[in-house]
C-alpha atoms as a PDB file:
ATOM      1  CA  MET A   1     111.827  55.424  -2.836  1.00  0.00           C
ATOM      2  CA  PRO A   2     109.624  52.759  -4.454  1.00  0.00           C
ATOM      3  CA  PRO A   3     110.323  51.675  -8.025  1.00  0.00           C
ATOM      4  CA  THR A   4     108.505  53.538 -10.782  1.00  0.00           C
ATOM      5  CA  LEU A   5     106.143  52.083 -13.363  1.00  0.00           C
ATOM      6  CA  HIS A   6     108.839  52.649 -15.965  1.00  0.00           C
ATOM      7  CA  GLU A   7     111.518  50.879 -13.931  1.00  0.00           C
ATOM      8  CA  LEU A   8     109.228  47.876 -13.477  1.00  0.00           C
ATOM      9  CA  GLY A   9     108.189  47.913 -17.145  1.00  0.00           C
ATOM     10  CA  LEU A  10     104.553  48.319 -16.169  1.00  0.00           C
ATOM     11  CA  ASP A  11     104.138  51.348 -18.408  1.00  0.00           C
ATOM     12  CA  ARG A  12     104.263  48.927 -21.350  1.00  0.00           C
ATOM     13  CA  LEU A  13     101.148  47.082 -20.192  1.00  0.00           C
ATOM     14  CA  SER A  14      97.800  47.848 -21.762  1.00  0.00           C
ATOM     15  CA  VAL A  15      95.351  50.012 -19.842  1.00  0.00           C
ATOM     16  CA  GLU A  16      93.223  46.942 -19.140  1.00  0.00           C
ATOM     17  CA  ASP A  17      96.210  45.022 -17.772  1.00  0.00           C
ATOM     18  CA  ARG A  18      97.293  47.952 -15.585  1.00  0.00           C
ATOM     19  CA  ILE A  19      93.776  48.228 -14.195  1.00  0.00           C
ATOM     20  CA  ALA A  20      93.709  44.486 -13.460  1.00  0.00           C
ATOM     21  CA  LEU A  21      97.115  44.756 -11.779  1.00  0.00           C
ATOM     22  CA  ALA A  22      95.996  47.740  -9.704  1.00  0.00           C
ATOM     23  CA  GLU A  23      92.916  45.808  -8.567  1.00  0.00           C
ATOM     24  CA  ALA A  24      95.038  42.781  -7.650  1.00  0.00           C
ATOM     25  CA  LEU A  25      97.467  44.973  -5.695  1.00  0.00           C
ATOM     26  CA  TRP A  26      94.615  46.704  -3.884  1.00  0.00           C
ATOM     27  CA  GLU A  27      93.018  43.364  -2.962  1.00  0.00           C
ATOM     28  CA  SER A  28      96.319  42.068  -1.576  1.00  0.00           C
ATOM     29  CA  VAL A  29      96.721  45.201   0.558  1.00  0.00           C
ATOM     30  CA  ALA A  30      93.101  45.010   1.743  1.00  0.00           C
ATOM     31  CA  GLN A  31      93.562  41.394   2.834  1.00  0.00           C
ATOM     32  CA  GLU A  32      96.611  42.304   4.900  1.00  0.00           C
ATOM     33  CA  VAL A  33      94.851  45.275   6.469  1.00  0.00           C
ATOM     34  CA  GLU A  34      91.832  43.142   7.356  1.00  0.00           C
ATOM     35  CA  GLN A  35      94.101  40.668   9.137  1.00  0.00           C
ATOM     36  CA  ALA A  36      95.997  43.356  11.055  1.00  0.00           C
ATOM     37  CA  PRO A  37      94.865  44.005  14.618  1.00  0.00           C
ATOM     38  CA  LEU A  38      92.773  47.113  15.135  1.00  0.00           C
ATOM     39  CA  PRO A  39      94.532  49.768  17.239  1.00  0.00           C
ATOM     40  CA  GLU A  40      92.912  50.191  20.654  1.00  0.00           C
ATOM     41  CA  ALA A  41      91.982  53.830  20.002  1.00  0.00           C
ATOM     42  CA  GLN A  42      90.129  52.889  16.799  1.00  0.00           C
ATOM     43  CA  ARG A  43      88.352  49.981  18.512  1.00  0.00           C
ATOM     44  CA  GLN A  44      87.189  52.304  21.293  1.00  0.00           C
ATOM     45  CA  GLU A  45      85.986  54.909  18.786  1.00  0.00           C
ATOM     46  CA  LEU A  46      84.023  52.288  16.845  1.00  0.00           C
ATOM     47  CA  GLU A  47      82.441  51.050  20.065  1.00  0.00           C
ATOM     48  CA  ARG A  48      81.552  54.649  21.038  1.00  0.00           C
ATOM     49  CA  ARG A  49      79.952  55.295  17.650  1.00  0.00           C
ATOM     50  CA  LEU A  50      78.013  52.042  17.763  1.00  0.00           C
ATOM     51  CA  ALA A  51      76.711  52.805  21.261  1.00  0.00           C
ATOM     52  CA  ASP A  52      75.751  56.320  20.138  1.00  0.00           C
ATOM     53  CA  SER A  53      73.850  55.040  17.098  1.00  0.00           C
ATOM     54  CA  ILE A  54      71.995  52.504  19.265  1.00  0.00           C
ATOM     55  CA  ALA A  55      71.150  55.147  21.890  1.00  0.00           C
ATOM     56  CA  GLN A  56      69.995  57.687  19.264  1.00  0.00           C
ATOM     57  CA  PRO A  57      68.625  55.771  16.267  1.00  0.00           C
ATOM     58  CA  ASP A  58      66.745  58.823  14.963  1.00  0.00           C
ATOM     59  CA  ALA A  59      69.987  60.808  14.698  1.00  0.00           C
ATOM     60  CA  VAL A  60      71.240  58.509  11.939  1.00  0.00           C
ATOM     61  CA  THR A  61      70.407  59.141   8.282  1.00  0.00           C
ATOM     62  CA  PRO A  62      69.959  55.966   6.235  1.00  0.00           C
ATOM     63  CA  TRP A  63      72.432  55.497   3.383  1.00  0.00           C
ATOM     64  CA  GLU A  64      69.616  55.457   0.817  1.00  0.00           C
ATOM     65  CA  GLN A  65      68.606  59.001   1.811  1.00  0.00           C
ATOM     66  CA  VAL A  66      72.181  60.294   1.797  1.00  0.00           C
ATOM     67  CA  LYS A  67      72.773  58.763  -1.630  1.00  0.00           C
ATOM     68  CA  ALA A  68      69.506  60.135  -3.057  1.00  0.00           C
ATOM     69  CA  ARG A  69      70.329  63.660  -1.845  1.00  0.00           C
ATOM     70  CA  ALA A  70      73.860  63.491  -3.259  1.00  0.00           C
ATOM     71  CA  LEU A  71      72.603  62.273  -6.622  1.00  0.00           C
ATOM     72  CA  ALA A  72      69.915  64.981  -6.706  1.00  0.00           C
ATOM     73  CA  ARG A  73      72.573  67.655  -6.036  1.00  0.00           C
ATOM     74  CA  ALA A  74      74.855  66.217  -8.698  1.00  0.00           C
ATOM     75  CA  ARG A  75      72.080  66.448 -11.292  1.00  0.00           C
ATOM     76  CA  GLN A  76      71.548  70.182 -10.686  1.00  0.00           C
END
């Protein structure tokens, strides 16, 4: 079991310091994940999705439209 915040003394940090620490931890994990090789099944799925989006460009909804719809629903 990993150590707790209390065991590490992190519960004594200010909220701002804990947020900064969380961001630093997340960035360190993200860097390692980016450097890790992509599993073959994931690579194949990404290639399939890319080929599908190229073959059917009209079947894709631009992010701007998705975001606008989500924001409109959230305002209701």
